[in-house]
Amino acid sequence: MNVADSAPATNNLLVSNADSQRTLYPYVTGTSVVGIKYKDGILLAADMGGSYGSTLRYKTVERLKSVGKHSIIGASGEISDFQEIMRYLDELILYDNMWDDGNSLGPKEVHNYLTRVMYNRRNKFNPLWNSLVLGGVKNGQKYLGTVNMIGVHYEDDHVATGFGNHLARPILRDEWHENLKFEEGVKLLEKCMRVLLYRDRSAVNKLQMMFSETNVGAKISMKDKSTSKKVKLVILGRIIDLKIARITEDGVTVFPPYSLKTFWNFNAFQNPTVGAEGSWALCAIVYNKFSYQQKPDRSSFVDVPLAQPGGSTRSGSGLLRT
């Protein structure tokens, strides 16, 4: 074989290598998702921020979606990979509906499917860069689980992703109980999201919340029950605009998002270096102490001869205060 015959094979090999791409690091990402079981169903909450690297670029990214009739999903991590996952799930639900056999996939089945997808992509060294929370209710049974980008998954009464694993889960371990009412569950999730907002630079105070219930006739105080308008929910004595998707046996109801109420006048926020003994605090104290002192009069200094190599001396090469 001559060189001319081998050239096309070499070019094809280069083209195939160029087409094979992997997600080396995420671009636009979302932060924590927190989910809990409460007395009548499942509650999920996430903010609506999308970070481009360290820049909080997008403020209206919806990271909670409904899946079929019985499930809701929340995702942290790469937004484009989450869109790909939703494409997988749309195809799965469509294929399931095409059977027209009266059955539909529940949250447990969808969660098991996602664990296989994430583990399969991990084994191909091309993971979907997300941590997912999947919850829902089917036939009166509540289900809440999570799976990360390498396929590690589990089911629990409360789950969280991202910084929520470190900052929200301790709060949930202390305050969660299985008889939580809807208002108590919302209050608990608001507390978790507020802590995350204070401590996570990628978080924003615009929240999206979804819930799935076992009983269709759950009583919630509303000014307007239309899904096309903003719903005012009276929760804990104050009226808020709440982003809720309600999943019952009859379908999904979606409501607009709301902004979390915050308080930034804590002394620790206003003057964070007070009482700090770290090197940065000491540098600031030393700088403030000496930068405002009056500069000394140079007339109080005299020339000091300094020794030179070879034993000679040179006058005027140093200053010594008298």
C-alpha atoms as a PDB file:
ATOM      1  CA  MET A   1       0.000   0.000   0.000  1.00  0.00           C
ATOM      2  CA  ASN A   2       1.377   3.406  -0.940  1.00  0.00           C
ATOM      3  CA  VAL A   3       1.096   6.645   1.017  1.00  0.00           C
ATOM      4  CA  ALA A   4      -1.832   7.877  -1.079  1.00  0.00           C
ATOM      5  CA  ASP A   5      -3.904   4.807  -0.181  1.00  0.00           C
ATOM      6  CA  SER A   6      -3.324   5.223   3.555  1.00  0.00           C
ATOM      7  CA  ALA A   7      -4.227   8.932   3.626  1.00  0.00           C
ATOM      8  CA  PRO A   8      -8.045   8.498   3.616  1.00  0.00           C
ATOM      9  CA  ALA A   9      -7.898   6.028   6.505  1.00  0.00           C
ATOM     10  CA  THR A  10      -5.778   8.450   8.525  1.00  0.00           C
ATOM     11  CA  ASN A  11      -8.182  11.311   7.822  1.00  0.00           C
ATOM     12  CA  ASN A  12     -11.190   9.216   8.833  1.00  0.00           C
ATOM     13  CA  LEU A  13      -9.479   8.288  12.079  1.00  0.00           C
ATOM     14  CA  LEU A  14      -8.817  11.941  12.861  1.00  0.00           C
ATOM     15  CA  VAL A  15     -12.424  12.871  12.095  1.00  0.00           C
ATOM     16  CA  SER A  16     -13.799  10.140  14.360  1.00  0.00           C
ATOM     17  CA  ASN A  17     -11.581  11.283  17.230  1.00  0.00           C
ATOM     18  CA  ALA A  18     -12.700  14.869  16.760  1.00  0.00           C
ATOM     19  CA  ASP A  19     -16.388  13.852  16.865  1.00  0.00           C
ATOM     20  CA  SER A  20     -15.952  11.931  20.119  1.00  0.00           C
ATOM     21  CA  GLN A  21     -16.469  14.547  22.848  1.00  0.00           C
ATOM     22  CA  ARG A  22     -16.866  14.406  26.601  1.00  0.00           C
ATOM     23  CA  THR A  23     -18.174  16.829  29.191  1.00  0.00           C
ATOM     24  CA  LEU A  24     -14.947  17.766  30.950  1.00  0.00           C
ATOM     25  CA  TYR A  25     -16.536  20.357  33.206  1.00  0.00           C
ATOM     26  CA  PRO A  26     -19.971  21.995  33.471  1.00  0.00           C
ATOM     27  CA  TYR A  27     -20.710  25.415  31.994  1.00  0.00           C
ATOM     28  CA  VAL A  28     -24.083  26.697  33.228  1.00  0.00           C
ATOM     29  CA  THR A  29     -24.998  25.086  36.542  1.00  0.00           C
ATOM     30  CA  GLY A  30     -27.724  25.158  39.147  1.00  0.00           C
ATOM     31  CA  THR A  31     -27.150  24.684  42.844  1.00  0.00           C
ATOM     32  CA  SER A  32     -29.004  22.742  45.558  1.00  0.00           C
ATOM     33  CA  VAL A  33     -32.334  20.923  45.412  1.00  0.00           C
ATOM     34  CA  VAL A  34     -34.032  19.951  48.685  1.00  0.00           C
ATOM     35  CA  GLY A  35     -36.865  17.438  48.973  1.00  0.00           C
ATOM     36  CA  ILE A  36     -38.896  16.134  51.918  1.00  0.00           C
ATOM     37  CA  LYS A  37     -41.821  13.875  52.614  1.00  0.00           C
ATOM     38  CA  TYR A  38     -44.661  15.402  54.580  1.00  0.00           C
ATOM     39  CA  LYS A  39     -47.910  14.044  55.930  1.00  0.00           C
ATOM     40  CA  ASP A  40     -49.843  14.127  52.661  1.00  0.00           C
ATOM     41  CA  GLY A  41     -47.124  13.889  50.017  1.00  0.00           C
ATOM     42  CA  ILE A  42     -43.810  15.193  48.719  1.00  0.00           C
ATOM     43  CA  LEU A  43     -42.313  18.711  48.700  1.00  0.00           C
ATOM     44  CA  LEU A  44     -39.390  19.801  46.504  1.00  0.00           C
ATOM     45  CA  ALA A  45     -37.704  23.202  46.474  1.00  0.00           C
ATOM     46  CA  ALA A  46     -34.925  24.803  44.432  1.00  0.00           C
ATOM     47  CA  ASP A  47     -33.875  28.311  43.527  1.00  0.00           C
ATOM     48  CA  MET A  48     -33.952  29.581  39.945  1.00  0.00           C
ATOM     49  CA  GLY A  49     -30.325  30.689  39.529  1.00  0.00           C
ATOM     50  CA  GLY A  50     -28.046  29.522  36.737  1.00  0.00           C
ATOM     51  CA  SER A  51     -24.326  30.201  37.167  1.00  0.00           C
ATOM     52  CA  TYR A  52     -21.949  30.610  34.235  1.00  0.00           C
ATOM     53  CA  GLY A  53     -18.765  29.618  36.018  1.00  0.00           C
ATOM     54  CA  SER A  54     -18.640  31.878  39.072  1.00  0.00           C
ATOM     55  CA  THR A  55     -21.008  34.434  37.500  1.00  0.00           C
ATOM     56  CA  LEU A  56     -24.663  34.199  38.505  1.00  0.00           C
ATOM     57  CA  ARG A  57     -25.793  34.750  34.933  1.00  0.00           C
ATOM     58  CA  TYR A  58     -29.413  33.557  34.797  1.00  0.00           C
ATOM     59  CA  LYS A  59     -32.177  34.207  37.355  1.00  0.00           C
ATOM     60  CA  THR A  60     -35.148  32.335  35.853  1.00  0.00           C
ATOM     61  CA  VAL A  61     -33.897  28.779  35.304  1.00  0.00           C
ATOM     62  CA  GLU A  62     -36.555  26.215  36.220  1.00  0.00           C
ATOM     63  CA  ARG A  63     -34.885  23.133  37.655  1.00  0.00           C
ATOM     64  CA  LEU A  64     -38.051  21.393  38.866  1.00  0.00           C
ATOM     65  CA  LYS A  65     -40.152  19.573  36.299  1.00  0.00           C
ATOM     66  CA  SER A  66     -43.057  17.159  36.247  1.00  0.00           C
ATOM     67  CA  VAL A  67     -42.587  13.662  34.842  1.00  0.00           C
ATOM     68  CA  GLY A  68     -45.734  11.882  33.726  1.00  0.00           C
ATOM     69  CA  LYS A  69     -48.736  11.823  36.029  1.00  0.00           C
ATOM     70  CA  HIS A  70     -47.123  10.843  39.314  1.00  0.00           C
ATOM     71  CA  SER A  71     -43.575  12.202  39.522  1.00  0.00           C
ATOM     72  CA  ILE A  72     -41.599  15.408  39.889  1.00  0.00           C
ATOM     73  CA  ILE A  73     -37.866  15.827  39.326  1.00  0.00           C
ATOM     74  CA  GLY A  74     -35.318  18.389  40.480  1.00  0.00           C
ATOM     75  CA  ALA A  75     -31.752  18.757  39.244  1.00  0.00           C
ATOM     76  CA  SER A  76     -28.574  20.502  40.270  1.00  0.00           C
ATOM     77  CA  GLY A  77     -25.515  20.679  38.054  1.00  0.00           C
ATOM     78  CA  GLU A  78     -25.204  21.275  34.307  1.00  0.00           C
ATOM     79  CA  ILE A  79     -28.411  22.731  32.850  1.00  0.00           C
ATOM     80  CA  SER A  80     -27.859  21.374  29.330  1.00  0.00           C
ATOM     81  CA  ASP A  81     -27.387  17.852  30.706  1.00  0.00           C
ATOM     82  CA  PHE A  82     -30.636  18.264  32.642  1.00  0.00           C
ATOM     83  CA  GLN A  83     -32.352  19.209  29.380  1.00  0.00           C
ATOM     84  CA  GLU A  84     -30.961  16.015  27.860  1.00  0.00           C
ATOM     85  CA  ILE A  85     -32.318  13.996  30.791  1.00  0.00           C
ATOM     86  CA  MET A  86     -35.737  15.580  30.302  1.00  0.00           C
ATOM     87  CA  ARG A  87     -35.592  14.540  26.637  1.00  0.00           C
ATOM     88  CA  TYR A  88     -34.922  10.944  27.762  1.00  0.00           C
ATOM     89  CA  LEU A  89     -37.850  11.111  30.187  1.00  0.00           C
ATOM     90  CA  ASP A  90     -40.214  12.597  27.604  1.00  0.00           C
ATOM     91  CA  GLU A  91     -39.416   9.699  25.271  1.00  0.00           C
ATOM     92  CA  LEU A  92     -39.893   7.221  28.120  1.00  0.00           C
ATOM     93  CA  ILE A  93     -43.307   8.623  29.071  1.00  0.00           C
ATOM     94  CA  LEU A  94     -44.390   8.806  25.426  1.00  0.00           C
ATOM     95  CA  TYR A  95     -43.382   5.190  24.842  1.00  0.00           C
ATOM     96  CA  ASP A  96     -45.222   4.149  28.012  1.00  0.00           C
ATOM     97  CA  ASN A  97     -48.380   5.999  26.938  1.00  0.00           C
ATOM     98  CA  MET A  98     -48.298   4.357  23.503  1.00  0.00           C
ATOM     99  CA  TRP A  99     -49.085   1.004  25.126  1.00  0.00           C
ATOM    100  CA  ASP A 100     -52.462   2.432  26.196  1.00  0.00           C
ATOM    101  CA  ASP A 101     -52.887  -0.346  28.739  1.00  0.00           C
ATOM    102  CA  GLY A 102     -54.183   1.770  31.622  1.00  0.00           C
ATOM    103  CA  ASN A 103     -50.874   1.645  33.482  1.00  0.00           C
ATOM    104  CA  SER A 104     -48.422   4.504  33.939  1.00  0.00           C
ATOM    105  CA  LEU A 105     -44.900   4.789  35.307  1.00  0.00           C
ATOM    106  CA  GLY A 106     -44.683   5.814  38.954  1.00  0.00           C
ATOM    107  CA  PRO A 107     -41.870   7.645  40.766  1.00  0.00           C
ATOM    108  CA  LYS A 108     -40.090   4.449  41.779  1.00  0.00           C
ATOM    109  CA  GLU A 109     -39.921   3.221  38.193  1.00  0.00           C
ATOM    110  CA  VAL A 110     -38.690   6.585  36.921  1.00  0.00           C
ATOM    111  CA  HIS A 111     -36.052   6.723  39.665  1.00  0.00           C
ATOM    112  CA  ASN A 112     -34.801   3.230  38.789  1.00  0.00           C
ATOM    113  CA  TYR A 113     -34.623   4.242  35.127  1.00  0.00           C
ATOM    114  CA  LEU A 114     -32.549   7.332  35.996  1.00  0.00           C
ATOM    115  CA  THR A 115     -30.105   5.299  38.085  1.00  0.00           C
ATOM    116  CA  ARG A 116     -29.449   3.054  35.062  1.00  0.00           C
ATOM    117  CA  VAL A 117     -29.019   6.044  32.742  1.00  0.00           C
ATOM    118  CA  MET A 118     -26.576   7.836  35.054  1.00  0.00           C
ATOM    119  CA  TYR A 119     -24.539   4.693  35.734  1.00  0.00           C
ATOM    120  CA  ASN A 120     -24.447   3.799  32.044  1.00  0.00           C
ATOM    121  CA  ARG A 121     -23.120   7.224  31.095  1.00  0.00           C
ATOM    122  CA  ARG A 122     -20.585   7.039  33.906  1.00  0.00           C
ATOM    123  CA  ASN A 123     -19.269   3.731  32.539  1.00  0.00           C
ATOM    124  CA  LYS A 124     -18.810   5.383  29.149  1.00  0.00           C
ATOM    125  CA  PHE A 125     -16.691   8.081  30.840  1.00  0.00           C
ATOM    126  CA  ASN A 126     -19.210  10.620  29.584  1.00  0.00           C
ATOM    127  CA  PRO A 127     -21.389  11.332  32.623  1.00  0.00           C
ATOM    128  CA  LEU A 128     -24.427  13.558  32.748  1.00  0.00           C
ATOM    129  CA  TRP A 129     -23.154  16.247  35.120  1.00  0.00           C
ATOM    130  CA  ASN A 130     -26.178  16.310  37.438  1.00  0.00           C
ATOM    131  CA  SER A 131     -27.452  15.251  40.807  1.00  0.00           C
ATOM    132  CA  LEU A 132     -31.162  14.447  40.644  1.00  0.00           C
ATOM    133  CA  VAL A 133     -34.023  14.310  43.140  1.00  0.00           C
ATOM    134  CA  LEU A 134     -37.072  12.288  42.133  1.00  0.00           C
ATOM    135  CA  GLY A 135     -40.274  12.250  44.151  1.00  0.00           C
ATOM    136  CA  GLY A 136     -43.937  11.538  43.710  1.00  0.00           C
ATOM    137  CA  VAL A 137     -47.053   9.718  44.796  1.00  0.00           C
ATOM    138  CA  LYS A 138     -48.787   6.760  43.183  1.00  0.00           C
ATOM    139  CA  ASN A 139     -51.633   4.701  44.617  1.00  0.00           C
ATOM    140  CA  GLY A 140     -51.298   6.584  47.897  1.00  0.00           C
ATOM    141  CA  GLN A 141     -47.631   5.634  48.304  1.00  0.00           C
ATOM    142  CA  LYS A 142     -45.038   8.384  48.744  1.00  0.00           C
ATOM    143  CA  TYR A 143     -41.605   8.017  47.190  1.00  0.00           C
ATOM    144  CA  LEU A 144     -38.504  10.213  47.392  1.00  0.00           C
ATOM    145  CA  GLY A 145     -35.056   9.320  46.081  1.00  0.00           C
ATOM    146  CA  THR A 146     -31.885  10.785  44.640  1.00  0.00           C
ATOM    147  CA  VAL A 147     -29.130   9.778  42.217  1.00  0.00           C
ATOM    148  CA  ASN A 148     -25.848  11.522  41.401  1.00  0.00           C
ATOM    149  CA  MET A 149     -23.693  11.733  38.274  1.00  0.00           C
ATOM    150  CA  ILE A 150     -21.944   8.381  38.839  1.00  0.00           C
ATOM    151  CA  GLY A 151     -25.095   6.430  39.633  1.00  0.00           C
ATOM    152  CA  VAL A 152     -24.992   6.420  43.448  1.00  0.00           C
ATOM    153  CA  HIS A 153     -28.636   6.411  44.547  1.00  0.00           C
ATOM    154  CA  TYR A 154     -30.792   5.950  47.629  1.00  0.00           C
ATOM    155  CA  GLU A 155     -34.295   6.558  48.961  1.00  0.00           C
ATOM    156  CA  ASP A 156     -34.976   8.566  52.129  1.00  0.00           C
ATOM    157  CA  ASP A 157     -37.516  10.728  53.940  1.00  0.00           C
ATOM    158  CA  HIS A 158     -35.544  13.870  53.045  1.00  0.00           C
ATOM    159  CA  VAL A 159     -32.833  14.359  50.449  1.00  0.00           C
ATOM    160  CA  ALA A 160     -30.696  17.202  49.138  1.00  0.00           C
ATOM    161  CA  THR A 161     -28.073  17.846  46.483  1.00  0.00           C
ATOM    162  CA  GLY A 162     -25.065  20.163  46.265  1.00  0.00           C
ATOM    163  CA  PHE A 163     -24.417  22.357  49.279  1.00  0.00           C
ATOM    164  CA  GLY A 164     -27.770  21.209  50.613  1.00  0.00           C
ATOM    165  CA  ASN A 165     -26.115  17.926  51.606  1.00  0.00           C
ATOM    166  CA  HIS A 166     -23.891  19.845  54.018  1.00  0.00           C
ATOM    167  CA  LEU A 167     -26.091  22.770  55.097  1.00  0.00           C
ATOM    168  CA  ALA A 168     -29.715  21.643  54.729  1.00  0.00           C
ATOM    169  CA  ARG A 169     -29.588  17.993  55.764  1.00  0.00           C
ATOM    170  CA  PRO A 170     -28.494  18.771  59.371  1.00  0.00           C
ATOM    171  CA  ILE A 171     -31.532  21.050  59.718  1.00  0.00           C
ATOM    172  CA  LEU A 172     -33.797  18.363  58.293  1.00  0.00           C
ATOM    173  CA  ARG A 173     -32.386  15.716  60.631  1.00  0.00           C
ATOM    174  CA  ASP A 174     -33.228  17.920  63.615  1.00  0.00           C
ATOM    175  CA  GLU A 175     -36.639  19.261  62.612  1.00  0.00           C
ATOM    176  CA  TRP A 176     -38.227  16.820  60.161  1.00  0.00           C
ATOM    177  CA  HIS A 177     -40.913  14.396  61.315  1.00  0.00           C
ATOM    178  CA  GLU A 178     -43.325  12.221  59.370  1.00  0.00           C
ATOM    179  CA  ASN A 179     -46.444  14.112  60.487  1.00  0.00           C
ATOM    180  CA  LEU A 180     -45.404  17.451  58.985  1.00  0.00           C
ATOM    181  CA  LYS A 181     -48.324  19.457  57.662  1.00  0.00           C
ATOM    182  CA  PHE A 182     -48.079  21.266  54.340  1.00  0.00           C
ATOM    183  CA  GLU A 183     -47.478  24.682  55.940  1.00  0.00           C
ATOM    184  CA  GLU A 184     -44.852  23.224  58.281  1.00  0.00           C
ATOM    185  CA  GLY A 185     -43.103  21.543  55.369  1.00  0.00           C
ATOM    186  CA  VAL A 186     -43.008  24.803  53.400  1.00  0.00           C
ATOM    187  CA  LYS A 187     -41.630  26.615  56.457  1.00  0.00           C
ATOM    188  CA  LEU A 188     -38.924  23.975  56.896  1.00  0.00           C
ATOM    189  CA  LEU A 189     -37.901  24.132  53.231  1.00  0.00           C
ATOM    190  CA  GLU A 190     -37.853  27.932  53.360  1.00  0.00           C
ATOM    191  CA  LYS A 191     -35.504  27.747  56.329  1.00  0.00           C
ATOM    192  CA  CYS A 192     -33.186  25.404  54.437  1.00  0.00           C
ATOM    193  CA  MET A 193     -33.221  27.560  51.313  1.00  0.00           C
ATOM    194  CA  ARG A 194     -32.590  30.703  53.352  1.00  0.00           C
ATOM    195  CA  VAL A 195     -29.511  29.151  54.965  1.00  0.00           C
ATOM    196  CA  LEU A 196     -28.293  28.099  51.521  1.00  0.00           C
ATOM    197  CA  LEU A 197     -28.884  31.616  50.204  1.00  0.00           C
ATOM    198  CA  TYR A 198     -26.781  33.102  52.997  1.00  0.00           C
ATOM    199  CA  ARG A 199     -23.919  30.621  52.581  1.00  0.00           C
ATOM    200  CA  ASP A 200     -23.897  29.541  48.917  1.00  0.00           C
ATOM    201  CA  ARG A 201     -22.685  32.192  46.482  1.00  0.00           C
ATOM    202  CA  SER A 202     -24.481  30.447  43.601  1.00  0.00           C
ATOM    203  CA  ALA A 203     -27.924  30.639  45.237  1.00  0.00           C
ATOM    204  CA  VAL A 204     -30.599  33.287  44.626  1.00  0.00           C
ATOM    205  CA  ASN A 205     -33.688  34.190  46.626  1.00  0.00           C
ATOM    206  CA  LYS A 206     -36.167  33.369  43.848  1.00  0.00           C
ATOM    207  CA  LEU A 207     -37.588  29.943  44.636  1.00  0.00           C
ATOM    208  CA  GLN A 208     -39.443  27.258  42.775  1.00  0.00           C
ATOM    209  CA  MET A 209     -41.403  24.731  44.816  1.00  0.00           C
ATOM    210  CA  MET A 210     -43.351  21.642  43.825  1.00  0.00           C
ATOM    211  CA  PHE A 211     -45.458  19.199  45.801  1.00  0.00           C
ATOM    212  CA  SER A 212     -47.220  15.930  45.228  1.00  0.00           C
ATOM    213  CA  GLU A 213     -50.101  14.814  47.452  1.00  0.00           C
ATOM    214  CA  THR A 214     -51.896  11.591  48.225  1.00  0.00           C
ATOM    215  CA  ASN A 215     -55.315  13.156  48.781  1.00  0.00           C
ATOM    216  CA  VAL A 216     -56.872  15.152  45.975  1.00  0.00           C
ATOM    217  CA  GLY A 217     -58.945  17.372  48.262  1.00  0.00           C
ATOM    218  CA  ALA A 218     -56.123  18.905  50.311  1.00  0.00           C
ATOM    219  CA  LYS A 219     -57.274  22.172  51.838  1.00  0.00           C
ATOM    220  CA  ILE A 220     -55.004  25.135  51.118  1.00  0.00           C
ATOM    221  CA  SER A 221     -56.001  28.753  51.646  1.00  0.00           C
ATOM    222  CA  MET A 222     -56.073  30.368  48.197  1.00  0.00           C
ATOM    223  CA  LYS A 223     -57.397  33.640  46.824  1.00  0.00           C
ATOM    224  CA  ASP A 224     -57.627  32.203  43.297  1.00  0.00           C
ATOM    225  CA  LYS A 225     -57.547  28.562  42.255  1.00  0.00           C
ATOM    226  CA  SER A 226     -56.925  29.282  38.570  1.00  0.00           C
ATOM    227  CA  THR A 227     -53.641  27.868  37.300  1.00  0.00           C
ATOM    228  CA  SER A 228     -53.257  30.702  34.801  1.00  0.00           C
ATOM    229  CA  LYS A 229     -52.997  33.373  37.491  1.00  0.00           C
ATOM    230  CA  LYS A 230     -50.752  33.986  40.453  1.00  0.00           C
ATOM    231  CA  VAL A 231     -51.996  32.134  43.491  1.00  0.00           C
ATOM    232  CA  LYS A 232     -51.788  33.859  46.841  1.00  0.00           C
ATOM    233  CA  LEU A 233     -51.122  31.318  49.572  1.00  0.00           C
ATOM    234  CA  VAL A 234     -51.581  32.365  53.169  1.00  0.00           C
ATOM    235  CA  ILE A 235     -48.724  30.540  54.861  1.00  0.00           C
ATOM    236  CA  LEU A 236     -47.458  31.306  58.360  1.00  0.00           C
ATOM    237  CA  GLY A 237     -49.458  34.514  58.560  1.00  0.00           C
ATOM    238  CA  ARG A 238     -48.030  36.234  55.476  1.00  0.00           C
ATOM    239  CA  ILE A 239     -49.045  36.270  51.823  1.00  0.00           C
ATOM    240  CA  ILE A 240     -46.399  35.120  49.360  1.00  0.00           C
ATOM    241  CA  ASP A 241     -46.206  34.291  45.677  1.00  0.00           C
ATOM    242  CA  LEU A 242     -45.274  30.613  45.661  1.00  0.00           C
ATOM    243  CA  LYS A 243     -44.049  28.448  42.791  1.00  0.00           C
ATOM    244  CA  ILE A 244     -45.889  25.185  43.277  1.00  0.00           C
ATOM    245  CA  ALA A 245     -46.687  22.263  41.034  1.00  0.00           C
ATOM    246  CA  ARG A 246     -49.313  20.144  42.687  1.00  0.00           C
ATOM    247  CA  ILE A 247     -49.435  16.510  41.590  1.00  0.00           C
ATOM    248  CA  THR A 248     -52.509  14.495  42.476  1.00  0.00           C
ATOM    249  CA  GLU A 249     -54.153  11.463  40.927  1.00  0.00           C
ATOM    250  CA  ASP A 250     -55.904  13.867  38.526  1.00  0.00           C
ATOM    251  CA  GLY A 251     -52.791  15.608  37.151  1.00  0.00           C
ATOM    252  CA  VAL A 252     -50.391  18.494  37.707  1.00  0.00           C
ATOM    253  CA  THR A 253     -51.131  22.063  38.803  1.00  0.00           C
ATOM    254  CA  VAL A 254     -48.388  24.660  38.412  1.00  0.00           C
ATOM    255  CA  PHE A 255     -48.171  28.002  40.195  1.00  0.00           C
ATOM    256  CA  PRO A 256     -45.694  30.910  39.777  1.00  0.00           C
ATOM    257  CA  PRO A 257     -42.407  31.335  41.710  1.00  0.00           C
ATOM    258  CA  TYR A 258     -41.830  33.662  44.641  1.00  0.00           C
ATOM    259  CA  SER A 259     -38.949  35.547  46.235  1.00  0.00           C
ATOM    260  CA  LEU A 260     -37.678  34.382  49.587  1.00  0.00           C
ATOM    261  CA  LYS A 261     -37.748  36.967  52.352  1.00  0.00           C
ATOM    262  CA  THR A 262     -34.238  37.622  53.702  1.00  0.00           C
ATOM    263  CA  PHE A 263     -32.568  39.662  56.442  1.00  0.00           C
ATOM    264  CA  TRP A 264     -29.044  41.027  55.950  1.00  0.00           C
ATOM    265  CA  ASN A 265     -28.652  43.254  59.014  1.00  0.00           C
ATOM    266  CA  PHE A 266     -26.975  40.686  61.221  1.00  0.00           C
ATOM    267  CA  ASN A 267     -23.825  42.056  62.864  1.00  0.00           C
ATOM    268  CA  ALA A 268     -21.784  39.184  61.440  1.00  0.00           C
ATOM    269  CA  PHE A 269     -22.823  40.200  57.918  1.00  0.00           C
ATOM    270  CA  GLN A 270     -22.182  43.917  58.421  1.00  0.00           C
ATOM    271  CA  ASN A 271     -18.713  43.565  59.996  1.00  0.00           C
ATOM    272  CA  PRO A 272     -17.448  40.014  59.429  1.00  0.00           C
ATOM    273  CA  THR A 273     -13.866  40.679  60.704  1.00  0.00           C
ATOM    274  CA  VAL A 274     -14.887  41.624  64.253  1.00  0.00           C
ATOM    275  CA  GLY A 275     -13.487  39.064  66.655  1.00  0.00           C
ATOM    276  CA  ALA A 276     -11.635  37.233  63.912  1.00  0.00           C
ATOM    277  CA  GLU A 277      -8.097  36.164  64.803  1.00  0.00           C
ATOM    278  CA  GLY A 278      -7.054  35.022  61.360  1.00  0.00           C
ATOM    279  CA  SER A 279      -4.157  36.411  59.351  1.00  0.00           C
ATOM    280  CA  TRP A 280      -6.400  38.553  57.142  1.00  0.00           C
ATOM    281  CA  ALA A 281      -7.989  40.233  60.160  1.00  0.00           C
ATOM    282  CA  LEU A 282      -4.590  40.888  61.740  1.00  0.00           C
ATOM    283  CA  CYS A 283      -3.289  42.385  58.495  1.00  0.00           C
ATOM    284  CA  ALA A 284      -6.296  44.691  58.352  1.00  0.00           C
ATOM    285  CA  ILE A 285      -5.765  45.777  61.969  1.00  0.00           C
ATOM    286  CA  VAL A 286      -2.061  46.436  61.447  1.00  0.00           C
ATOM    287  CA  TYR A 287      -2.705  48.335  58.237  1.00  0.00           C
ATOM    288  CA  ASN A 288      -5.405  50.517  59.810  1.00  0.00           C
ATOM    289  CA  LYS A 289      -3.197  51.219  62.841  1.00  0.00           C
ATOM    290  CA  PHE A 290      -0.135  52.407  60.954  1.00  0.00           C
ATOM    291  CA  SER A 291      -1.642  53.921  57.813  1.00  0.00           C
ATOM    292  CA  TYR A 292      -3.293  56.782  59.737  1.00  0.00           C
ATOM    293  CA  GLN A 293      -0.327  57.644  61.938  1.00  0.00           C
ATOM    294  CA  GLN A 294       1.554  60.875  61.207  1.00  0.00           C
ATOM    295  CA  LYS A 295       4.644  60.268  59.122  1.00  0.00           C
ATOM    296  CA  PRO A 296       7.907  60.964  61.063  1.00  0.00           C
ATOM    297  CA  ASP A 297      10.032  64.033  60.358  1.00  0.00           C
ATOM    298  CA  ARG A 298      13.065  63.019  58.318  1.00  0.00           C
ATOM    299  CA  SER A 299      15.149  65.657  60.164  1.00  0.00           C
ATOM    300  CA  SER A 300      15.318  63.275  63.113  1.00  0.00           C
ATOM    301  CA  PHE A 301      17.309  60.798  61.051  1.00  0.00           C
ATOM    302  CA  VAL A 302      21.102  60.904  60.454  1.00  0.00           C
ATOM    303  CA  ASP A 303      23.291  59.278  57.832  1.00  0.00           C
ATOM    304  CA  VAL A 304      24.994  56.058  58.875  1.00  0.00           C
ATOM    305  CA  PRO A 305      28.054  54.801  56.943  1.00  0.00           C
ATOM    306  CA  LEU A 306      27.546  51.191  55.832  1.00  0.00           C
ATOM    307  CA  ALA A 307      30.324  48.687  55.352  1.00  0.00           C
ATOM    308  CA  GLN A 308      31.189  47.838  51.753  1.00  0.00           C
ATOM    309  CA  PRO A 309      32.907  44.749  50.356  1.00  0.00           C
ATOM    310  CA  GLY A 310      36.654  44.949  50.878  1.00  0.00           C
ATOM    311  CA  GLY A 311      36.382  46.834  54.176  1.00  0.00           C
ATOM    312  CA  SER A 312      35.577  50.269  52.747  1.00  0.00           C
ATOM    313  CA  THR A 313      32.682  52.376  53.970  1.00  0.00           C
ATOM    314  CA  ARG A 314      30.146  54.569  52.114  1.00  0.00           C
ATOM    315  CA  SER A 315      28.482  57.552  53.747  1.00  0.00           C
ATOM    316  CA  GLY A 316      24.818  58.364  53.314  1.00  0.00           C
ATOM    317  CA  SER A 317      23.748  54.867  52.427  1.00  0.00           C
ATOM    318  CA  GLY A 318      21.517  54.348  55.492  1.00  0.00           C
ATOM    319  CA  LEU A 319      19.336  56.226  57.969  1.00  0.00           C
ATOM    320  CA  LEU A 320      19.253  55.902  61.746  1.00  0.00           C
ATOM    321  CA  ARG A 321      16.779  57.702  63.980  1.00  0.00           C
ATOM    322  CA  THR A 322      18.370  59.788  66.797  1.00  0.00           C
END
